[in-house]
Protein backbone atom coordinates (compact mmCIF):
# COMPACT_ATOMS: atom_id res chain seq x y z
CA UNK A 1 0.00 0.00 0.00
CA UNK A 2 1.53 3.30 -1.10
CA UNK A 3 1.57 6.22 1.30
CA UNK A 4 -0.72 8.99 -0.03
CA UNK A 5 1.72 11.62 1.32
CA UNK A 6 5.17 10.48 0.16
CA UNK A 7 4.45 7.54 -2.15
CA UNK A 8 6.57 4.99 -0.29
CA UNK A 9 5.20 1.43 -0.28
CA UNK A 10 6.36 0.40 3.20
CA UNK A 11 3.84 0.92 6.01
CA UNK A 12 2.78 -0.83 9.17
CA UNK A 13 -0.72 -1.53 10.43
CA UNK A 14 -1.39 0.40 13.64
CA UNK A 15 -5.05 -0.58 14.17
CA UNK A 16 -7.60 -2.89 12.52
CA UNK A 17 -11.32 -3.10 13.09
CA UNK A 18 -14.44 -4.31 11.27
CA UNK A 19 -16.27 -1.71 9.17
CA UNK A 20 -19.42 -1.55 7.05
CA UNK A 21 -21.31 -4.00 9.27
CA UNK A 22 -18.51 -6.58 9.03
CA UNK A 23 -18.27 -6.45 5.23
CA UNK A 24 -14.85 -4.81 5.26
CA UNK A 25 -11.89 -4.14 7.53
CA UNK A 26 -10.71 -0.63 8.35
CA UNK A 27 -6.95 -0.39 8.85
CA UNK A 28 -4.99 2.55 10.23
CA UNK A 29 -1.52 2.50 8.74
CA UNK A 30 1.66 4.43 9.46
CA UNK A 31 4.18 5.13 6.72
CA UNK A 32 7.65 3.87 7.72
CA UNK A 33 9.26 6.69 5.71
CA UNK A 34 7.38 9.89 6.67
CA UNK A 35 5.53 8.54 9.78
CA UNK A 36 2.19 9.98 8.65
CA UNK A 37 -0.94 7.93 9.22
CA UNK A 38 -3.64 7.02 6.71
CA UNK A 39 -6.68 4.73 6.55
CA UNK A 40 -7.33 1.86 4.16
CA UNK A 41 -10.30 -0.45 3.74
CA UNK A 42 -10.08 -4.10 2.79
CA UNK A 43 -13.07 -5.85 1.22
CA UNK A 44 -13.70 -9.20 -0.39
CA UNK A 45 -13.59 -8.96 -4.14
CA UNK A 46 -16.86 -10.17 -5.58
CA UNK A 47 -17.15 -11.62 -9.05
CA UNK A 48 -19.25 -9.56 -11.45
CA UNK A 49 -22.75 -10.79 -12.21
CA UNK A 50 -23.73 -10.60 -15.87
CA UNK A 51 -27.42 -10.09 -16.64
CA UNK A 52 -28.73 -11.79 -19.79
CA UNK A 53 -31.58 -9.70 -21.19
CA UNK A 54 -34.59 -10.98 -23.16
CA UNK A 55 -32.97 -10.06 -26.48
CA UNK A 56 -29.82 -12.01 -25.56
CA UNK A 57 -27.64 -8.99 -24.87
CA UNK A 58 -25.57 -8.92 -21.71
CA UNK A 59 -24.73 -6.21 -19.20
CA UNK A 60 -23.35 -5.99 -15.67
CA UNK A 61 -25.78 -6.32 -12.77
CA UNK A 62 -26.84 -2.86 -11.62
CA UNK A 63 -28.39 -2.79 -8.17
CA UNK A 64 -29.58 0.79 -8.83
CA UNK A 65 -31.81 -0.45 -11.66
CA UNK A 66 -33.37 -3.05 -9.37
CA UNK A 67 -33.83 -0.50 -6.59
CA UNK A 68 -35.29 2.03 -9.05
CA UNK A 69 -37.90 -0.47 -10.23
CA UNK A 70 -38.87 -1.26 -6.67
CA UNK A 71 -39.09 2.42 -5.75
CA UNK A 72 -41.40 3.07 -8.74
CA UNK A 73 -43.62 0.17 -7.68
CA UNK A 74 -43.80 1.62 -4.16
CA UNK A 75 -44.66 5.20 -5.18
CA UNK A 76 -47.17 6.81 -2.81
CA UNK A 77 -46.92 3.78 -0.50
CA UNK A 78 -45.55 3.96 3.05
CA UNK A 79 -42.57 1.71 2.39
CA UNK A 80 -39.27 2.83 3.94
CA UNK A 81 -36.35 3.13 1.53
CA UNK A 82 -34.20 1.15 3.96
CA UNK A 83 -36.54 -1.83 3.57
CA UNK A 84 -36.22 -1.70 -0.22
CA UNK A 85 -32.43 -1.38 0.02
CA UNK A 86 -32.35 -4.41 2.32
CA UNK A 87 -34.41 -6.35 -0.23
CA UNK A 88 -31.97 -5.41 -3.01
CA UNK A 89 -29.06 -6.41 -0.74
CA UNK A 90 -30.74 -9.78 -0.26
CA UNK A 91 -31.25 -10.24 -4.01
CA UNK A 92 -27.65 -9.31 -4.76
CA UNK A 93 -26.34 -11.61 -2.02
CA UNK A 94 -28.49 -14.49 -3.27
CA UNK A 95 -27.12 -13.99 -6.79
CA UNK A 96 -23.53 -13.90 -5.48
CA UNK A 97 -24.10 -17.05 -3.41
CA UNK A 98 -25.56 -18.91 -6.41
CA UNK A 99 -22.12 -18.71 -8.05
CA UNK A 100 -23.75 -18.38 -11.48
CA UNK A 101 -21.89 -15.64 -13.29
CA UNK A 102 -24.80 -15.13 -15.69
CA UNK A 103 -28.41 -14.68 -14.65
CA UNK A 104 -31.49 -14.02 -16.77
CA UNK A 105 -33.59 -10.92 -16.21
CA UNK A 106 -36.58 -13.20 -15.65
CA UNK A 107 -34.86 -14.68 -12.57
CA UNK A 108 -34.16 -11.22 -11.17
CA UNK A 109 -37.76 -10.12 -11.86
CA UNK A 110 -39.11 -13.15 -9.97
CA UNK A 111 -36.79 -12.42 -7.05
CA UNK A 112 -38.01 -8.80 -6.94
CA UNK A 113 -41.66 -9.92 -7.00
CA UNK A 114 -41.02 -12.41 -4.18
CA UNK A 115 -39.50 -9.65 -2.04
CA UNK A 116 -42.21 -7.09 -2.89
CA UNK A 117 -44.97 -9.57 -2.06
CA UNK A 118 -43.69 -9.62 1.54
CA UNK A 119 -43.16 -5.86 1.72
CA UNK A 120 -46.27 -4.37 0.13
CA UNK A 121 -48.95 -6.18 -1.86
CA UNK A 122 -49.97 -3.13 -3.89
CA UNK A 123 -46.34 -2.58 -4.92
CA UNK A 124 -46.14 -6.28 -5.80
CA UNK A 125 -49.18 -6.03 -8.12
CA UNK A 126 -47.83 -2.84 -9.70
CA UNK A 127 -44.46 -4.44 -10.39
CA UNK A 128 -46.03 -7.67 -11.63
CA UNK A 129 -48.37 -5.81 -13.99
CA UNK A 130 -45.41 -4.12 -15.70
CA UNK A 131 -43.01 -7.06 -15.46
CA UNK A 132 -45.46 -9.66 -16.70
CA UNK A 133 -47.00 -7.22 -19.18
CA UNK A 134 -50.64 -7.90 -18.32
CA UNK A 135 -52.56 -7.63 -21.58
CA UNK A 136 -56.08 -7.47 -20.20
CA UNK A 137 -58.16 -7.42 -17.03
CA UNK A 138 -58.37 -11.23 -16.94
CA UNK A 139 -54.64 -11.72 -16.48
CA UNK A 140 -54.66 -8.95 -13.88
CA UNK A 141 -57.51 -10.65 -12.00
CA UNK A 142 -55.75 -14.01 -12.19
CA UNK A 143 -52.70 -12.51 -10.47
CA UNK A 144 -54.88 -10.82 -7.83
CA UNK A 145 -56.71 -14.10 -7.15
CA UNK A 146 -53.35 -15.89 -6.73
CA UNK A 147 -52.31 -13.23 -4.25
CA UNK A 148 -55.56 -13.59 -2.31
CA UNK A 149 -55.37 -17.39 -2.27
CA UNK A 150 -51.83 -17.26 -0.82
CA UNK A 151 -53.14 -15.53 2.31
C-alpha atoms as a PDB file:
ATOM      1  CA  UNK A   1       0.000   0.000   0.000  1.00  0.00           C
ATOM      2  CA  UNK A   2       1.527   3.300  -1.101  1.00  0.00           C
ATOM      3  CA  UNK A   3       1.566   6.223   1.300  1.00  0.00           C
ATOM      4  CA  UNK A   4      -0.721   8.993  -0.029  1.00  0.00           C
ATOM      5  CA  UNK A   5       1.718  11.625   1.317  1.00  0.00           C
ATOM      6  CA  UNK A   6       5.172  10.484   0.165  1.00  0.00           C
ATOM      7  CA  UNK A   7       4.453   7.539  -2.152  1.00  0.00           C
ATOM      8  CA  UNK A   8       6.567   4.995  -0.286  1.00  0.00           C
ATOM      9  CA  UNK A   9       5.197   1.429  -0.282  1.00  0.00           C
ATOM     10  CA  UNK A  10       6.360   0.402   3.198  1.00  0.00           C
ATOM     11  CA  UNK A  11       3.842   0.919   6.006  1.00  0.00           C
ATOM     12  CA  UNK A  12       2.782  -0.828   9.166  1.00  0.00           C
ATOM     13  CA  UNK A  13      -0.720  -1.530  10.430  1.00  0.00           C
ATOM     14  CA  UNK A  14      -1.395   0.396  13.642  1.00  0.00           C
ATOM     15  CA  UNK A  15      -5.049  -0.583  14.174  1.00  0.00           C
ATOM     16  CA  UNK A  16      -7.602  -2.891  12.519  1.00  0.00           C
ATOM     17  CA  UNK A  17     -11.321  -3.102  13.094  1.00  0.00           C
ATOM     18  CA  UNK A  18     -14.441  -4.310  11.267  1.00  0.00           C
ATOM     19  CA  UNK A  19     -16.266  -1.714   9.172  1.00  0.00           C
ATOM     20  CA  UNK A  20     -19.417  -1.550   7.046  1.00  0.00           C
ATOM     21  CA  UNK A  21     -21.309  -4.004   9.267  1.00  0.00           C
ATOM     22  CA  UNK A  22     -18.514  -6.578   9.025  1.00  0.00           C
ATOM     23  CA  UNK A  23     -18.268  -6.454   5.225  1.00  0.00           C
ATOM     24  CA  UNK A  24     -14.853  -4.813   5.259  1.00  0.00           C
ATOM     25  CA  UNK A  25     -11.890  -4.139   7.528  1.00  0.00           C
ATOM     26  CA  UNK A  26     -10.707  -0.633   8.349  1.00  0.00           C
ATOM     27  CA  UNK A  27      -6.945  -0.389   8.845  1.00  0.00           C
ATOM     28  CA  UNK A  28      -4.990   2.551  10.226  1.00  0.00           C
ATOM     29  CA  UNK A  29      -1.516   2.500   8.743  1.00  0.00           C
ATOM     30  CA  UNK A  30       1.656   4.435   9.457  1.00  0.00           C
ATOM     31  CA  UNK A  31       4.180   5.130   6.720  1.00  0.00           C
ATOM     32  CA  UNK A  32       7.648   3.875   7.721  1.00  0.00           C
ATOM     33  CA  UNK A  33       9.260   6.688   5.713  1.00  0.00           C
ATOM     34  CA  UNK A  34       7.381   9.891   6.672  1.00  0.00           C
ATOM     35  CA  UNK A  35       5.532   8.542   9.778  1.00  0.00           C
ATOM     36  CA  UNK A  36       2.189   9.984   8.646  1.00  0.00           C
ATOM     37  CA  UNK A  37      -0.941   7.932   9.221  1.00  0.00           C
ATOM     38  CA  UNK A  38      -3.642   7.017   6.713  1.00  0.00           C
ATOM     39  CA  UNK A  39      -6.678   4.729   6.546  1.00  0.00           C
ATOM     40  CA  UNK A  40      -7.329   1.862   4.157  1.00  0.00           C
ATOM     41  CA  UNK A  41     -10.305  -0.448   3.745  1.00  0.00           C
ATOM     42  CA  UNK A  42     -10.077  -4.097   2.794  1.00  0.00           C
ATOM     43  CA  UNK A  43     -13.074  -5.846   1.217  1.00  0.00           C
ATOM     44  CA  UNK A  44     -13.700  -9.198  -0.386  1.00  0.00           C
ATOM     45  CA  UNK A  45     -13.590  -8.964  -4.143  1.00  0.00           C
ATOM     46  CA  UNK A  46     -16.864 -10.165  -5.580  1.00  0.00           C
ATOM     47  CA  UNK A  47     -17.151 -11.620  -9.050  1.00  0.00           C
ATOM     48  CA  UNK A  48     -19.249  -9.564 -11.446  1.00  0.00           C
ATOM     49  CA  UNK A  49     -22.745 -10.794 -12.208  1.00  0.00           C
ATOM     50  CA  UNK A  50     -23.727 -10.604 -15.872  1.00  0.00           C
ATOM     51  CA  UNK A  51     -27.421 -10.093 -16.642  1.00  0.00           C
ATOM     52  CA  UNK A  52     -28.734 -11.788 -19.791  1.00  0.00           C
ATOM     53  CA  UNK A  53     -31.583  -9.700 -21.190  1.00  0.00           C
ATOM     54  CA  UNK A  54     -34.586 -10.980 -23.157  1.00  0.00           C
ATOM     55  CA  UNK A  55     -32.965 -10.059 -26.476  1.00  0.00           C
ATOM     56  CA  UNK A  56     -29.818 -12.012 -25.562  1.00  0.00           C
ATOM     57  CA  UNK A  57     -27.639  -8.987 -24.873  1.00  0.00           C
ATOM     58  CA  UNK A  58     -25.568  -8.924 -21.706  1.00  0.00           C
ATOM     59  CA  UNK A  59     -24.732  -6.209 -19.199  1.00  0.00           C
ATOM     60  CA  UNK A  60     -23.354  -5.986 -15.672  1.00  0.00           C
ATOM     61  CA  UNK A  61     -25.776  -6.316 -12.774  1.00  0.00           C
ATOM     62  CA  UNK A  62     -26.835  -2.857 -11.620  1.00  0.00           C
ATOM     63  CA  UNK A  63     -28.390  -2.792  -8.173  1.00  0.00           C
ATOM     64  CA  UNK A  64     -29.580   0.786  -8.827  1.00  0.00           C
ATOM     65  CA  UNK A  65     -31.812  -0.450 -11.658  1.00  0.00           C
ATOM     66  CA  UNK A  66     -33.370  -3.050  -9.375  1.00  0.00           C
ATOM     67  CA  UNK A  67     -33.828  -0.499  -6.587  1.00  0.00           C
ATOM     68  CA  UNK A  68     -35.292   2.029  -9.049  1.00  0.00           C
ATOM     69  CA  UNK A  69     -37.902  -0.468 -10.233  1.00  0.00           C
ATOM     70  CA  UNK A  70     -38.869  -1.263  -6.666  1.00  0.00           C
ATOM     71  CA  UNK A  71     -39.091   2.422  -5.755  1.00  0.00           C
ATOM     72  CA  UNK A  72     -41.401   3.068  -8.740  1.00  0.00           C
ATOM     73  CA  UNK A  73     -43.625   0.170  -7.677  1.00  0.00           C
ATOM     74  CA  UNK A  74     -43.804   1.625  -4.157  1.00  0.00           C
ATOM     75  CA  UNK A  75     -44.663   5.199  -5.183  1.00  0.00           C
ATOM     76  CA  UNK A  76     -47.165   6.813  -2.809  1.00  0.00           C
ATOM     77  CA  UNK A  77     -46.918   3.781  -0.495  1.00  0.00           C
ATOM     78  CA  UNK A  78     -45.548   3.959   3.050  1.00  0.00           C
ATOM     79  CA  UNK A  79     -42.570   1.713   2.394  1.00  0.00           C
ATOM     80  CA  UNK A  80     -39.271   2.830   3.944  1.00  0.00           C
ATOM     81  CA  UNK A  81     -36.351   3.132   1.526  1.00  0.00           C
ATOM     82  CA  UNK A  82     -34.198   1.145   3.960  1.00  0.00           C
ATOM     83  CA  UNK A  83     -36.545  -1.826   3.565  1.00  0.00           C
ATOM     84  CA  UNK A  84     -36.218  -1.701  -0.223  1.00  0.00           C
ATOM     85  CA  UNK A  85     -32.428  -1.381   0.017  1.00  0.00           C
ATOM     86  CA  UNK A  86     -32.348  -4.409   2.317  1.00  0.00           C
ATOM     87  CA  UNK A  87     -34.407  -6.352  -0.230  1.00  0.00           C
ATOM     88  CA  UNK A  88     -31.967  -5.410  -3.010  1.00  0.00           C
ATOM     89  CA  UNK A  89     -29.062  -6.412  -0.740  1.00  0.00           C
ATOM     90  CA  UNK A  90     -30.742  -9.782  -0.264  1.00  0.00           C
ATOM     91  CA  UNK A  91     -31.247 -10.243  -4.008  1.00  0.00           C
ATOM     92  CA  UNK A  92     -27.649  -9.310  -4.761  1.00  0.00           C
ATOM     93  CA  UNK A  93     -26.338 -11.615  -2.020  1.00  0.00           C
ATOM     94  CA  UNK A  94     -28.491 -14.492  -3.269  1.00  0.00           C
ATOM     95  CA  UNK A  95     -27.124 -13.987  -6.787  1.00  0.00           C
ATOM     96  CA  UNK A  96     -23.533 -13.898  -5.479  1.00  0.00           C
ATOM     97  CA  UNK A  97     -24.105 -17.052  -3.414  1.00  0.00           C
ATOM     98  CA  UNK A  98     -25.559 -18.907  -6.405  1.00  0.00           C
ATOM     99  CA  UNK A  99     -22.119 -18.708  -8.047  1.00  0.00           C
ATOM    100  CA  UNK A 100     -23.746 -18.381 -11.476  1.00  0.00           C
ATOM    101  CA  UNK A 101     -21.895 -15.638 -13.290  1.00  0.00           C
ATOM    102  CA  UNK A 102     -24.799 -15.135 -15.689  1.00  0.00           C
ATOM    103  CA  UNK A 103     -28.412 -14.680 -14.654  1.00  0.00           C
ATOM    104  CA  UNK A 104     -31.485 -14.019 -16.770  1.00  0.00           C
ATOM    105  CA  UNK A 105     -33.593 -10.919 -16.210  1.00  0.00           C
ATOM    106  CA  UNK A 106     -36.582 -13.202 -15.648  1.00  0.00           C
ATOM    107  CA  UNK A 107     -34.857 -14.675 -12.572  1.00  0.00           C
ATOM    108  CA  UNK A 108     -34.159 -11.220 -11.166  1.00  0.00           C
ATOM    109  CA  UNK A 109     -37.757 -10.122 -11.861  1.00  0.00           C
ATOM    110  CA  UNK A 110     -39.112 -13.152  -9.973  1.00  0.00           C
ATOM    111  CA  UNK A 111     -36.792 -12.415  -7.051  1.00  0.00           C
ATOM    112  CA  UNK A 112     -38.008  -8.799  -6.944  1.00  0.00           C
ATOM    113  CA  UNK A 113     -41.656  -9.919  -7.003  1.00  0.00           C
ATOM    114  CA  UNK A 114     -41.022 -12.410  -4.178  1.00  0.00           C
ATOM    115  CA  UNK A 115     -39.504  -9.649  -2.042  1.00  0.00           C
ATOM    116  CA  UNK A 116     -42.212  -7.091  -2.887  1.00  0.00           C
ATOM    117  CA  UNK A 117     -44.968  -9.574  -2.056  1.00  0.00           C
ATOM    118  CA  UNK A 118     -43.685  -9.624   1.538  1.00  0.00           C
ATOM    119  CA  UNK A 119     -43.159  -5.863   1.717  1.00  0.00           C
ATOM    120  CA  UNK A 120     -46.267  -4.370   0.130  1.00  0.00           C
ATOM    121  CA  UNK A 121     -48.950  -6.184  -1.865  1.00  0.00           C
ATOM    122  CA  UNK A 122     -49.966  -3.134  -3.886  1.00  0.00           C
ATOM    123  CA  UNK A 123     -46.345  -2.583  -4.919  1.00  0.00           C
ATOM    124  CA  UNK A 124     -46.138  -6.279  -5.800  1.00  0.00           C
ATOM    125  CA  UNK A 125     -49.178  -6.033  -8.121  1.00  0.00           C
ATOM    126  CA  UNK A 126     -47.830  -2.836  -9.703  1.00  0.00           C
ATOM    127  CA  UNK A 127     -44.457  -4.435 -10.389  1.00  0.00           C
ATOM    128  CA  UNK A 128     -46.032  -7.675 -11.626  1.00  0.00           C
ATOM    129  CA  UNK A 129     -48.365  -5.813 -13.994  1.00  0.00           C
ATOM    130  CA  UNK A 130     -45.409  -4.117 -15.701  1.00  0.00           C
ATOM    131  CA  UNK A 131     -43.011  -7.060 -15.459  1.00  0.00           C
ATOM    132  CA  UNK A 132     -45.456  -9.665 -16.705  1.00  0.00           C
ATOM    133  CA  UNK A 133     -47.000  -7.217 -19.181  1.00  0.00           C
ATOM    134  CA  UNK A 134     -50.636  -7.898 -18.322  1.00  0.00           C
ATOM    135  CA  UNK A 135     -52.555  -7.630 -21.576  1.00  0.00           C
ATOM    136  CA  UNK A 136     -56.076  -7.466 -20.197  1.00  0.00           C
ATOM    137  CA  UNK A 137     -58.164  -7.421 -17.035  1.00  0.00           C
ATOM    138  CA  UNK A 138     -58.370 -11.234 -16.944  1.00  0.00           C
ATOM    139  CA  UNK A 139     -54.638 -11.719 -16.475  1.00  0.00           C
ATOM    140  CA  UNK A 140     -54.656  -8.947 -13.878  1.00  0.00           C
ATOM    141  CA  UNK A 141     -57.514 -10.647 -11.998  1.00  0.00           C
ATOM    142  CA  UNK A 142     -55.752 -14.014 -12.188  1.00  0.00           C
ATOM    143  CA  UNK A 143     -52.702 -12.514 -10.467  1.00  0.00           C
ATOM    144  CA  UNK A 144     -54.877 -10.821  -7.832  1.00  0.00           C
ATOM    145  CA  UNK A 145     -56.708 -14.105  -7.149  1.00  0.00           C
ATOM    146  CA  UNK A 146     -53.352 -15.894  -6.734  1.00  0.00           C
ATOM    147  CA  UNK A 147     -52.312 -13.229  -4.253  1.00  0.00           C
ATOM    148  CA  UNK A 148     -55.560 -13.589  -2.307  1.00  0.00           C
ATOM    149  CA  UNK A 149     -55.373 -17.388  -2.269  1.00  0.00           C
ATOM    150  CA  UNK A 150     -51.828 -17.258  -0.817  1.00  0.00           C
ATOM    151  CA  UNK A 151     -53.137 -15.533   2.306  1.00  0.00           C
END
